N, C-alpha and C. Protein backbone atom coordinates (compact mmCIF):
# COMPACT_ATOMS: atom_id res chain seq x y z
N UNK A 1 1.53 -21.66 15.77
CA UNK A 1 2.37 -21.36 14.65
C UNK A 1 3.39 -20.29 15.04
N UNK A 2 4.69 -20.56 14.58
CA UNK A 2 5.71 -19.59 14.90
C UNK A 2 5.65 -18.49 13.94
N UNK A 3 6.30 -17.40 14.31
CA UNK A 3 6.26 -16.11 13.55
C UNK A 3 6.87 -16.29 12.04
N UNK A 4 7.94 -17.11 12.02
CA UNK A 4 8.57 -17.33 10.69
C UNK A 4 7.57 -18.00 9.65
N UNK A 5 6.91 -19.01 10.20
CA UNK A 5 5.96 -19.70 9.42
C UNK A 5 4.77 -18.85 8.98
N UNK A 6 4.36 -18.02 9.95
CA UNK A 6 3.20 -17.01 9.79
C UNK A 6 3.54 -16.02 8.64
N UNK A 7 4.73 -15.44 8.81
CA UNK A 7 5.28 -14.56 7.80
C UNK A 7 5.38 -15.09 6.43
N UNK A 8 5.89 -16.38 6.39
CA UNK A 8 5.99 -17.01 5.05
C UNK A 8 4.60 -17.28 4.45
N UNK A 9 3.66 -17.66 5.31
CA UNK A 9 2.23 -17.90 4.75
C UNK A 9 1.64 -16.61 4.27
N UNK A 10 1.90 -15.51 5.00
CA UNK A 10 1.33 -14.19 4.52
C UNK A 10 2.06 -13.73 3.24
N UNK A 11 3.37 -14.01 3.13
CA UNK A 11 4.04 -13.61 1.95
C UNK A 11 3.55 -14.43 0.71
N UNK A 12 3.34 -15.71 0.96
CA UNK A 12 2.90 -16.50 -0.27
C UNK A 12 1.55 -16.16 -0.55
N UNK A 13 0.70 -15.76 0.38
CA UNK A 13 -0.71 -15.32 0.13
C UNK A 13 -0.68 -14.05 -0.70
N UNK A 14 0.15 -13.13 -0.30
CA UNK A 14 0.29 -11.85 -0.93
C UNK A 14 0.81 -12.06 -2.38
N UNK A 15 1.82 -12.93 -2.41
CA UNK A 15 2.50 -13.18 -3.77
C UNK A 15 1.40 -13.74 -4.73
N UNK A 16 0.66 -14.65 -4.23
CA UNK A 16 -0.47 -15.23 -5.13
C UNK A 16 -1.52 -14.22 -5.55
N UNK A 17 -1.85 -13.27 -4.66
CA UNK A 17 -2.75 -12.17 -5.04
C UNK A 17 -2.16 -11.36 -6.19
N UNK A 18 -0.83 -11.11 -5.98
CA UNK A 18 -0.11 -10.23 -7.06
C UNK A 18 -0.12 -10.91 -8.45
N UNK A 19 0.32 -12.16 -8.48
CA UNK A 19 0.59 -12.85 -9.74
C UNK A 19 -0.61 -13.47 -10.41
N UNK A 20 -1.69 -13.64 -9.56
CA UNK A 20 -2.93 -14.29 -10.14
C UNK A 20 -3.77 -13.47 -11.17
N UNK A 21 -3.45 -12.19 -11.21
CA UNK A 21 -4.20 -11.42 -12.24
C UNK A 21 -3.80 -11.76 -13.61
N UNK A 22 -4.65 -11.73 -14.49
CA UNK A 22 -4.38 -12.04 -16.06
C UNK A 22 -4.29 -10.79 -16.77
N UNK A 23 -3.28 -9.94 -16.32
CA UNK A 23 -3.04 -8.63 -17.01
C UNK A 23 -1.67 -8.45 -17.17
N UNK A 24 -1.24 -7.34 -17.82
CA UNK A 24 0.15 -6.95 -18.04
C UNK A 24 0.85 -6.71 -16.69
N UNK A 25 2.10 -7.02 -16.60
CA UNK A 25 2.85 -6.57 -15.38
C UNK A 25 2.78 -5.14 -15.00
N UNK A 26 2.74 -4.27 -16.03
CA UNK A 26 2.72 -2.78 -15.80
C UNK A 26 1.32 -2.46 -15.26
N UNK A 27 0.23 -3.01 -15.73
CA UNK A 27 -1.09 -2.80 -15.25
C UNK A 27 -1.20 -3.23 -13.73
N UNK A 28 -0.67 -4.39 -13.45
CA UNK A 28 -0.83 -4.89 -12.01
C UNK A 28 0.03 -3.97 -11.13
N UNK A 29 1.21 -3.68 -11.47
CA UNK A 29 2.15 -2.88 -10.73
C UNK A 29 1.57 -1.49 -10.51
N UNK A 30 0.92 -0.84 -11.52
CA UNK A 30 0.37 0.39 -11.38
C UNK A 30 -0.66 0.44 -10.34
N UNK A 31 -1.57 -0.59 -10.29
CA UNK A 31 -2.60 -0.62 -9.33
C UNK A 31 -2.10 -0.79 -7.89
N UNK A 32 -1.03 -1.61 -7.69
CA UNK A 32 -0.48 -1.76 -6.31
C UNK A 32 0.16 -0.58 -5.95
N UNK A 33 0.88 0.13 -6.85
CA UNK A 33 1.58 1.36 -6.47
C UNK A 33 0.56 2.46 -6.11
N UNK A 34 -0.53 2.49 -6.86
CA UNK A 34 -1.60 3.41 -6.63
C UNK A 34 -2.24 3.22 -5.22
N UNK A 35 -2.47 1.94 -4.91
CA UNK A 35 -3.06 1.58 -3.64
C UNK A 35 -2.10 1.93 -2.48
N UNK A 36 -0.78 1.79 -2.69
CA UNK A 36 0.21 2.15 -1.78
C UNK A 36 0.21 3.57 -1.53
N UNK A 37 0.14 4.36 -2.67
CA UNK A 37 0.16 5.83 -2.51
C UNK A 37 -1.08 6.30 -1.67
N UNK A 38 -2.19 5.74 -1.98
CA UNK A 38 -3.47 6.12 -1.31
C UNK A 38 -3.41 5.73 0.19
N UNK A 39 -2.81 4.56 0.46
CA UNK A 39 -2.68 4.07 1.79
C UNK A 39 -1.72 5.04 2.66
N UNK A 40 -0.86 5.62 2.03
CA UNK A 40 0.05 6.58 2.77
C UNK A 40 -0.44 7.94 2.88
N UNK A 41 -1.16 8.40 1.91
CA UNK A 41 -1.49 9.85 1.92
C UNK A 41 -3.04 10.05 2.36
N UNK A 42 -3.84 9.18 1.97
CA UNK A 42 -5.28 9.42 2.36
C UNK A 42 -5.54 8.69 3.70
N UNK A 43 -6.34 9.43 4.59
CA UNK A 43 -6.66 8.89 5.84
C UNK A 43 -7.49 7.63 5.73
N UNK A 44 -7.18 6.75 6.71
CA UNK A 44 -7.96 5.53 6.82
C UNK A 44 -9.42 5.71 6.74
N UNK A 45 -10.18 4.97 6.04
CA UNK A 45 -11.60 5.12 5.85
C UNK A 45 -11.95 5.74 4.56
N UNK A 46 -11.04 6.64 3.99
CA UNK A 46 -11.35 7.28 2.65
C UNK A 46 -10.51 6.71 1.64
N UNK A 47 -9.67 5.75 1.92
CA UNK A 47 -8.66 5.29 0.88
C UNK A 47 -9.27 4.58 -0.24
N UNK A 48 -10.25 3.72 0.03
CA UNK A 48 -10.85 2.99 -1.08
C UNK A 48 -11.74 3.91 -1.95
N UNK A 49 -12.31 4.93 -1.34
CA UNK A 49 -13.13 5.82 -2.08
C UNK A 49 -12.22 6.56 -3.09
N UNK A 50 -10.99 6.70 -2.84
CA UNK A 50 -10.06 7.37 -3.73
C UNK A 50 -9.42 6.45 -4.73
N UNK A 51 -8.87 5.25 -4.10
CA UNK A 51 -8.04 4.34 -4.87
C UNK A 51 -8.79 3.62 -5.97
N UNK A 52 -10.08 3.27 -5.74
CA UNK A 52 -10.72 2.48 -6.76
C UNK A 52 -11.13 3.26 -7.97
N UNK A 53 -11.67 4.53 -7.76
CA UNK A 53 -11.88 5.30 -9.05
C UNK A 53 -10.63 5.74 -9.69
N UNK A 54 -9.51 5.97 -8.94
CA UNK A 54 -8.26 6.38 -9.51
C UNK A 54 -7.75 5.24 -10.27
N UNK A 55 -7.93 3.96 -9.90
CA UNK A 55 -7.41 2.84 -10.66
C UNK A 55 -8.15 2.71 -12.04
N UNK A 56 -9.37 3.17 -12.05
CA UNK A 56 -10.06 3.13 -13.49
C UNK A 56 -9.52 4.20 -14.23
N UNK A 57 -9.33 5.40 -13.67
CA UNK A 57 -8.78 6.52 -14.54
C UNK A 57 -7.35 6.30 -14.95
N UNK A 58 -6.48 5.83 -14.06
CA UNK A 58 -5.10 5.52 -14.42
C UNK A 58 -4.89 4.18 -15.03
N UNK A 59 -5.93 3.37 -15.18
CA UNK A 59 -5.79 2.06 -15.74
C UNK A 59 -4.85 1.15 -15.04
N UNK A 60 -5.16 0.94 -13.77
CA UNK A 60 -4.35 0.03 -12.98
C UNK A 60 -5.17 -0.99 -12.35
N UNK A 61 -4.57 -2.04 -11.79
CA UNK A 61 -5.26 -3.11 -11.20
C UNK A 61 -6.16 -2.71 -10.04
N UNK A 62 -7.45 -3.08 -10.11
CA UNK A 62 -8.34 -2.73 -9.05
C UNK A 62 -8.01 -3.60 -7.79
N UNK A 63 -7.63 -4.82 -7.98
CA UNK A 63 -7.17 -5.66 -6.83
C UNK A 63 -6.04 -4.99 -6.11
N UNK A 64 -4.99 -4.54 -6.93
CA UNK A 64 -3.83 -3.98 -6.31
C UNK A 64 -4.19 -2.61 -5.65
N UNK A 65 -5.14 -1.91 -6.29
CA UNK A 65 -5.48 -0.64 -5.64
C UNK A 65 -6.14 -0.85 -4.30
N UNK A 66 -6.91 -1.89 -4.15
CA UNK A 66 -7.55 -2.24 -2.93
C UNK A 66 -6.48 -2.77 -1.92
N UNK A 67 -5.76 -3.83 -2.29
CA UNK A 67 -4.82 -4.38 -1.33
C UNK A 67 -3.68 -3.53 -0.95
N UNK A 68 -3.26 -2.62 -1.98
CA UNK A 68 -2.15 -1.74 -1.65
C UNK A 68 -2.37 -0.75 -0.64
N UNK A 69 -3.63 -0.38 -0.31
CA UNK A 69 -4.02 0.48 0.76
C UNK A 69 -3.83 -0.14 2.16
N UNK A 70 -3.62 -1.36 2.17
CA UNK A 70 -3.52 -2.03 3.47
C UNK A 70 -2.23 -1.78 4.20
N UNK A 71 -1.25 -0.92 3.69
CA UNK A 71 -0.15 -0.54 4.44
C UNK A 71 -0.63 0.03 5.74
N UNK A 72 -1.67 0.94 5.67
CA UNK A 72 -2.34 1.36 6.93
C UNK A 72 -3.65 0.58 7.13
N UNK A 73 -3.71 0.10 8.33
CA UNK A 73 -4.91 -0.68 8.73
C UNK A 73 -5.09 -0.46 10.28
N UNK A 74 -6.01 -1.16 10.78
CA UNK A 74 -6.33 -0.84 12.19
C UNK A 74 -5.24 -1.30 13.10
N UNK A 75 -4.19 -1.96 12.61
CA UNK A 75 -3.13 -2.38 13.55
C UNK A 75 -1.86 -1.43 13.25
N UNK A 76 -1.61 -1.04 12.02
CA UNK A 76 -0.40 -0.28 11.70
C UNK A 76 -0.58 1.20 11.97
N UNK A 77 -1.78 1.70 11.95
CA UNK A 77 -1.93 3.14 12.10
C UNK A 77 -1.37 3.63 13.41
N UNK A 78 -1.46 2.84 14.49
CA UNK A 78 -0.91 3.27 15.69
C UNK A 78 0.66 3.57 15.70
N UNK A 79 1.26 3.00 14.78
CA UNK A 79 2.73 3.19 14.64
C UNK A 79 2.94 4.23 13.51
N UNK A 80 2.33 3.97 12.32
CA UNK A 80 2.61 4.78 11.22
C UNK A 80 2.15 6.28 11.40
N UNK A 81 0.90 6.43 11.76
CA UNK A 81 0.38 7.81 11.73
C UNK A 81 1.14 8.79 12.65
N UNK A 82 1.45 8.45 13.95
CA UNK A 82 2.24 9.33 14.79
C UNK A 82 3.57 9.62 14.24
N UNK A 83 4.29 8.63 13.65
CA UNK A 83 5.67 8.92 13.08
C UNK A 83 5.41 9.74 11.77
N UNK A 84 4.41 9.39 11.02
CA UNK A 84 4.18 10.25 9.83
C UNK A 84 3.91 11.69 10.22
N UNK A 85 3.11 11.98 11.23
CA UNK A 85 2.81 13.34 11.70
C UNK A 85 4.01 14.00 12.18
N UNK A 86 4.92 13.23 12.99
CA UNK A 86 6.04 13.87 13.61
C UNK A 86 7.02 14.19 12.45
N UNK A 87 7.32 13.34 11.52
CA UNK A 87 8.16 13.67 10.40
C UNK A 87 7.56 14.84 9.56
N UNK A 88 6.28 14.76 9.32
CA UNK A 88 5.58 15.80 8.49
C UNK A 88 5.63 17.16 9.16
N UNK A 89 5.62 17.13 10.53
CA UNK A 89 5.71 18.46 11.20
C UNK A 89 7.13 19.18 11.02
N UNK A 90 8.12 18.31 10.87
CA UNK A 90 9.47 18.86 10.46
C UNK A 90 9.56 19.32 9.05
N UNK A 91 8.80 18.57 8.20
CA UNK A 91 8.80 19.06 6.73
C UNK A 91 8.14 20.38 6.56
N UNK A 92 7.16 20.64 7.28
CA UNK A 92 6.50 21.98 7.13
C UNK A 92 7.01 22.95 8.05
N UNK A 93 8.20 22.65 8.72
CA UNK A 93 8.89 23.51 9.56
C UNK A 93 8.06 24.02 10.71
N UNK A 94 7.33 23.21 11.28
CA UNK A 94 6.49 23.58 12.51
C UNK A 94 6.50 22.25 13.36
N UNK A 95 7.65 21.98 14.04
CA UNK A 95 7.77 20.71 14.75
C UNK A 95 6.72 20.59 15.87
N UNK A 96 5.96 19.52 15.89
CA UNK A 96 5.00 19.26 16.97
C UNK A 96 5.66 18.29 17.94
N UNK A 97 5.19 18.45 19.18
CA UNK A 97 5.71 17.48 20.18
C UNK A 97 4.98 16.06 20.02
N UNK A 98 5.78 15.07 20.40
CA UNK A 98 5.17 13.72 20.31
C UNK A 98 3.93 13.61 21.19
N UNK A 99 3.95 14.33 22.38
CA UNK A 99 2.82 14.37 23.28
C UNK A 99 1.51 14.97 22.59
N UNK A 100 1.67 16.07 21.89
CA UNK A 100 0.60 16.74 21.17
C UNK A 100 0.07 15.79 20.12
N UNK A 101 0.96 15.16 19.32
CA UNK A 101 0.50 14.19 18.36
C UNK A 101 -0.26 13.02 18.94
N UNK A 102 0.36 12.45 20.00
CA UNK A 102 -0.25 11.39 20.72
C UNK A 102 -1.61 11.72 21.33
N UNK A 103 -1.72 12.89 21.90
CA UNK A 103 -2.99 13.32 22.44
C UNK A 103 -4.09 13.47 21.33
N UNK A 104 -3.74 14.13 20.24
CA UNK A 104 -4.70 14.33 19.16
C UNK A 104 -5.04 13.02 18.43
N UNK A 105 -4.07 12.14 18.28
CA UNK A 105 -4.27 10.87 17.68
C UNK A 105 -5.19 10.05 18.50
N UNK A 106 -4.95 9.99 19.84
CA UNK A 106 -5.71 9.23 20.78
C UNK A 106 -7.21 9.70 20.67
N UNK A 107 -7.43 10.88 20.54
CA UNK A 107 -8.82 11.43 20.46
C UNK A 107 -9.40 10.89 19.19
N UNK A 108 -8.65 10.93 18.04
CA UNK A 108 -9.11 10.45 16.77
C UNK A 108 -9.40 8.95 16.82
N UNK A 109 -8.47 8.23 17.51
CA UNK A 109 -8.69 6.78 17.47
C UNK A 109 -9.83 6.28 18.29
N UNK A 110 -10.14 7.15 19.44
CA UNK A 110 -11.26 6.88 20.28
C UNK A 110 -12.58 7.31 19.58
N UNK A 111 -12.59 8.26 18.79
CA UNK A 111 -13.81 8.66 18.08
C UNK A 111 -13.40 8.80 16.50
N UNK A 112 -13.25 7.66 15.75
CA UNK A 112 -12.93 7.79 14.39
C UNK A 112 -14.02 8.27 13.46
N UNK A 113 -14.25 9.53 13.54
CA UNK A 113 -15.25 10.18 12.68
C UNK A 113 -14.67 11.29 11.93
N UNK A 114 -15.43 11.75 10.79
CA UNK A 114 -14.92 12.84 10.02
C UNK A 114 -14.92 14.13 10.89
N UNK A 115 -15.94 14.29 11.86
CA UNK A 115 -16.00 15.43 12.71
C UNK A 115 -14.79 15.59 13.57
N UNK A 116 -14.35 14.43 14.06
CA UNK A 116 -13.05 14.44 14.92
C UNK A 116 -11.98 14.73 14.04
N UNK A 117 -11.82 14.20 12.87
CA UNK A 117 -10.75 14.38 11.99
C UNK A 117 -10.72 15.96 11.66
N UNK A 118 -11.81 16.54 11.34
CA UNK A 118 -11.79 17.86 10.96
C UNK A 118 -11.60 18.83 12.20
N UNK A 119 -11.74 18.32 13.40
CA UNK A 119 -11.56 19.18 14.58
C UNK A 119 -10.06 19.20 15.03
N UNK A 120 -9.27 18.39 14.32
CA UNK A 120 -7.79 18.42 14.57
C UNK A 120 -7.23 19.75 14.21
N UNK A 121 -6.12 20.10 14.82
CA UNK A 121 -5.47 21.44 14.46
C UNK A 121 -4.95 21.30 13.05
N UNK A 122 -4.92 22.48 12.41
CA UNK A 122 -4.49 22.64 11.08
C UNK A 122 -2.96 22.15 10.92
N UNK A 123 -2.19 22.37 11.90
CA UNK A 123 -0.77 22.03 11.94
C UNK A 123 -0.67 20.55 11.81
N UNK A 124 -1.53 19.80 12.68
CA UNK A 124 -1.40 18.33 12.69
C UNK A 124 -1.89 17.76 11.34
N UNK A 125 -2.90 18.32 10.83
CA UNK A 125 -3.45 17.93 9.52
C UNK A 125 -2.40 18.14 8.40
N UNK A 126 -1.81 19.30 8.37
CA UNK A 126 -0.80 19.53 7.38
C UNK A 126 0.42 18.56 7.58
N UNK A 127 0.79 18.39 8.84
CA UNK A 127 1.94 17.45 9.08
C UNK A 127 1.58 16.01 8.72
N UNK A 128 0.32 15.58 8.84
CA UNK A 128 -0.11 14.36 8.50
C UNK A 128 0.08 14.07 6.88
N UNK A 129 -0.35 15.13 6.12
CA UNK A 129 -0.27 15.02 4.67
C UNK A 129 1.18 15.18 4.28
N UNK A 130 1.94 16.03 4.81
CA UNK A 130 3.31 16.16 4.46
C UNK A 130 4.08 14.90 4.72
N UNK A 131 3.85 14.35 5.86
CA UNK A 131 4.56 13.06 6.18
C UNK A 131 4.07 11.92 5.31
N UNK A 132 2.84 11.89 5.06
CA UNK A 132 2.21 10.96 4.08
C UNK A 132 2.76 10.99 2.72
N UNK A 133 2.93 12.21 2.19
CA UNK A 133 3.50 12.40 0.92
C UNK A 133 4.94 12.00 0.93
N UNK A 134 5.76 12.14 1.97
CA UNK A 134 7.13 11.73 1.97
C UNK A 134 7.13 10.09 1.99
N UNK A 135 6.27 9.54 2.86
CA UNK A 135 6.19 8.08 2.94
C UNK A 135 5.76 7.52 1.61
N UNK A 136 4.83 8.16 0.92
CA UNK A 136 4.36 7.74 -0.44
C UNK A 136 5.46 7.92 -1.45
N UNK A 137 6.23 8.88 -1.40
CA UNK A 137 7.36 9.15 -2.32
C UNK A 137 8.39 8.06 -2.15
N UNK A 138 8.48 7.45 -1.09
CA UNK A 138 9.45 6.39 -0.82
C UNK A 138 8.82 4.95 -1.14
N UNK A 139 7.63 4.73 -0.75
CA UNK A 139 6.99 3.37 -0.93
C UNK A 139 6.33 3.16 -2.31
N UNK A 140 5.84 4.19 -2.96
CA UNK A 140 5.15 4.02 -4.21
C UNK A 140 6.03 3.41 -5.30
N UNK A 141 7.32 4.05 -5.53
CA UNK A 141 8.16 3.55 -6.57
C UNK A 141 8.66 2.13 -6.14
N UNK A 142 8.95 1.98 -4.86
CA UNK A 142 9.41 0.63 -4.44
C UNK A 142 8.38 -0.41 -4.71
N UNK A 143 7.12 -0.06 -4.43
CA UNK A 143 6.06 -0.94 -4.67
C UNK A 143 5.85 -1.26 -6.14
N UNK A 144 5.83 -0.22 -7.04
CA UNK A 144 5.65 -0.45 -8.37
C UNK A 144 6.76 -1.27 -8.91
N UNK A 145 7.98 -1.03 -8.73
CA UNK A 145 9.10 -1.78 -9.26
C UNK A 145 9.29 -3.18 -8.67
N UNK A 146 8.85 -3.32 -7.36
CA UNK A 146 8.83 -4.52 -6.73
C UNK A 146 7.81 -5.60 -7.36
N UNK A 147 6.63 -5.03 -7.44
CA UNK A 147 5.49 -5.77 -8.02
C UNK A 147 5.73 -6.03 -9.44
N UNK A 148 6.28 -5.13 -10.14
CA UNK A 148 6.65 -5.28 -11.64
C UNK A 148 7.66 -6.42 -11.76
N UNK A 149 8.61 -6.56 -10.97
CA UNK A 149 9.66 -7.53 -10.96
C UNK A 149 9.10 -8.94 -10.57
N UNK A 150 8.20 -8.94 -9.63
CA UNK A 150 7.60 -10.21 -9.17
C UNK A 150 6.67 -10.78 -10.31
N UNK A 151 5.89 -9.89 -10.86
CA UNK A 151 4.99 -10.40 -11.93
C UNK A 151 5.75 -10.86 -13.20
N UNK A 152 6.76 -10.05 -13.56
CA UNK A 152 7.53 -10.41 -14.79
C UNK A 152 8.27 -11.76 -14.54
N UNK A 153 8.86 -11.98 -13.37
CA UNK A 153 9.52 -13.26 -13.11
C UNK A 153 8.53 -14.36 -13.05
N UNK A 154 7.23 -14.22 -12.53
CA UNK A 154 6.28 -15.19 -12.61
C UNK A 154 5.85 -15.55 -13.99
N UNK A 155 5.68 -14.54 -14.79
CA UNK A 155 5.29 -14.83 -16.19
C UNK A 155 6.41 -15.54 -16.94
N UNK A 156 7.62 -15.17 -16.66
CA UNK A 156 8.84 -15.81 -17.31
C UNK A 156 8.77 -17.32 -16.99
N UNK A 157 8.71 -17.56 -15.68
CA UNK A 157 8.71 -18.96 -15.18
C UNK A 157 7.51 -19.72 -15.80
N UNK A 158 6.43 -19.14 -15.71
CA UNK A 158 5.16 -19.81 -16.16
C UNK A 158 5.30 -20.07 -17.75
N UNK A 159 5.90 -19.11 -18.52
CA UNK A 159 6.04 -19.34 -19.91
C UNK A 159 7.08 -20.47 -20.20
N UNK A 160 8.04 -20.48 -19.39
CA UNK A 160 9.13 -21.57 -19.54
C UNK A 160 8.52 -22.95 -19.25
N UNK A 161 7.71 -23.03 -18.22
CA UNK A 161 7.04 -24.25 -17.80
C UNK A 161 6.10 -24.72 -19.03
N UNK A 162 5.45 -23.74 -19.50
CA UNK A 162 4.46 -24.14 -20.70
C UNK A 162 5.23 -24.58 -21.86
N UNK A 163 6.40 -23.97 -22.20
CA UNK A 163 7.19 -24.37 -23.30
C UNK A 163 7.76 -25.78 -23.04
N UNK A 164 8.24 -26.05 -21.84
CA UNK A 164 8.80 -27.31 -21.43
C UNK A 164 7.77 -28.45 -21.53
N UNK A 165 6.58 -28.07 -21.19
CA UNK A 165 5.50 -29.03 -21.21
C UNK A 165 5.06 -29.32 -22.69
N UNK A 166 5.06 -28.32 -23.49
CA UNK A 166 4.77 -28.50 -24.88
C UNK A 166 5.76 -29.33 -25.56
N UNK A 167 7.10 -29.12 -25.22
CA UNK A 167 8.22 -29.83 -25.80
C UNK A 167 8.19 -31.25 -25.36
N UNK A 168 7.81 -31.64 -24.17
CA UNK A 168 7.77 -32.95 -23.71
C UNK A 168 6.62 -33.76 -24.40
N UNK A 169 5.48 -32.95 -24.64
CA UNK A 169 4.30 -33.57 -25.36
C UNK A 169 4.74 -33.95 -26.78
N UNK A 170 5.52 -33.18 -27.49
CA UNK A 170 5.97 -33.47 -28.89
C UNK A 170 6.96 -34.61 -28.83
N UNK A 171 7.82 -34.80 -27.89
CA UNK A 171 8.66 -35.94 -27.81
C UNK A 171 7.92 -37.22 -27.59
N UNK A 172 6.91 -37.18 -26.75
CA UNK A 172 6.12 -38.30 -26.49
C UNK A 172 5.34 -38.81 -27.72
N UNK A 173 4.98 -38.01 -28.63
CA UNK A 173 4.19 -38.32 -29.83
C UNK A 173 5.00 -39.00 -30.79
């Protein structure tokens, strides 16, 4: 399978997950945006522990809260986390070297436990969260309005098809 076909298949699968919920567009978009926020700010492994209860409190889609966290996963964290920490270190005005970040991240990836996470330097931890908040500030509104637009468009098309079908049924009678 070529990459273009694979991407199209993944897009259609994601699209169907988004529009298949029988809820308001705002409810669905809120859950996806919440999942995206947690995926950017909360370390991998703790995201669902935060996103699912938050989706109940904020009245958002539980499915969206789960799937939205997948911005960070076992494949993307090797790219996102180091960049997030590097950018975050500049935000907190304590620039870290890429070598330091890579060294600490490698240790964490080799032993992904809470004890390893807590043994990281305070500067790296602060940089992680600062970078994550910046990433979330960018991706969360994009996700909310993107999903909102997709769901509204789907509902509009679905309603037009339903009306067209009802109209053709009346003509046939």
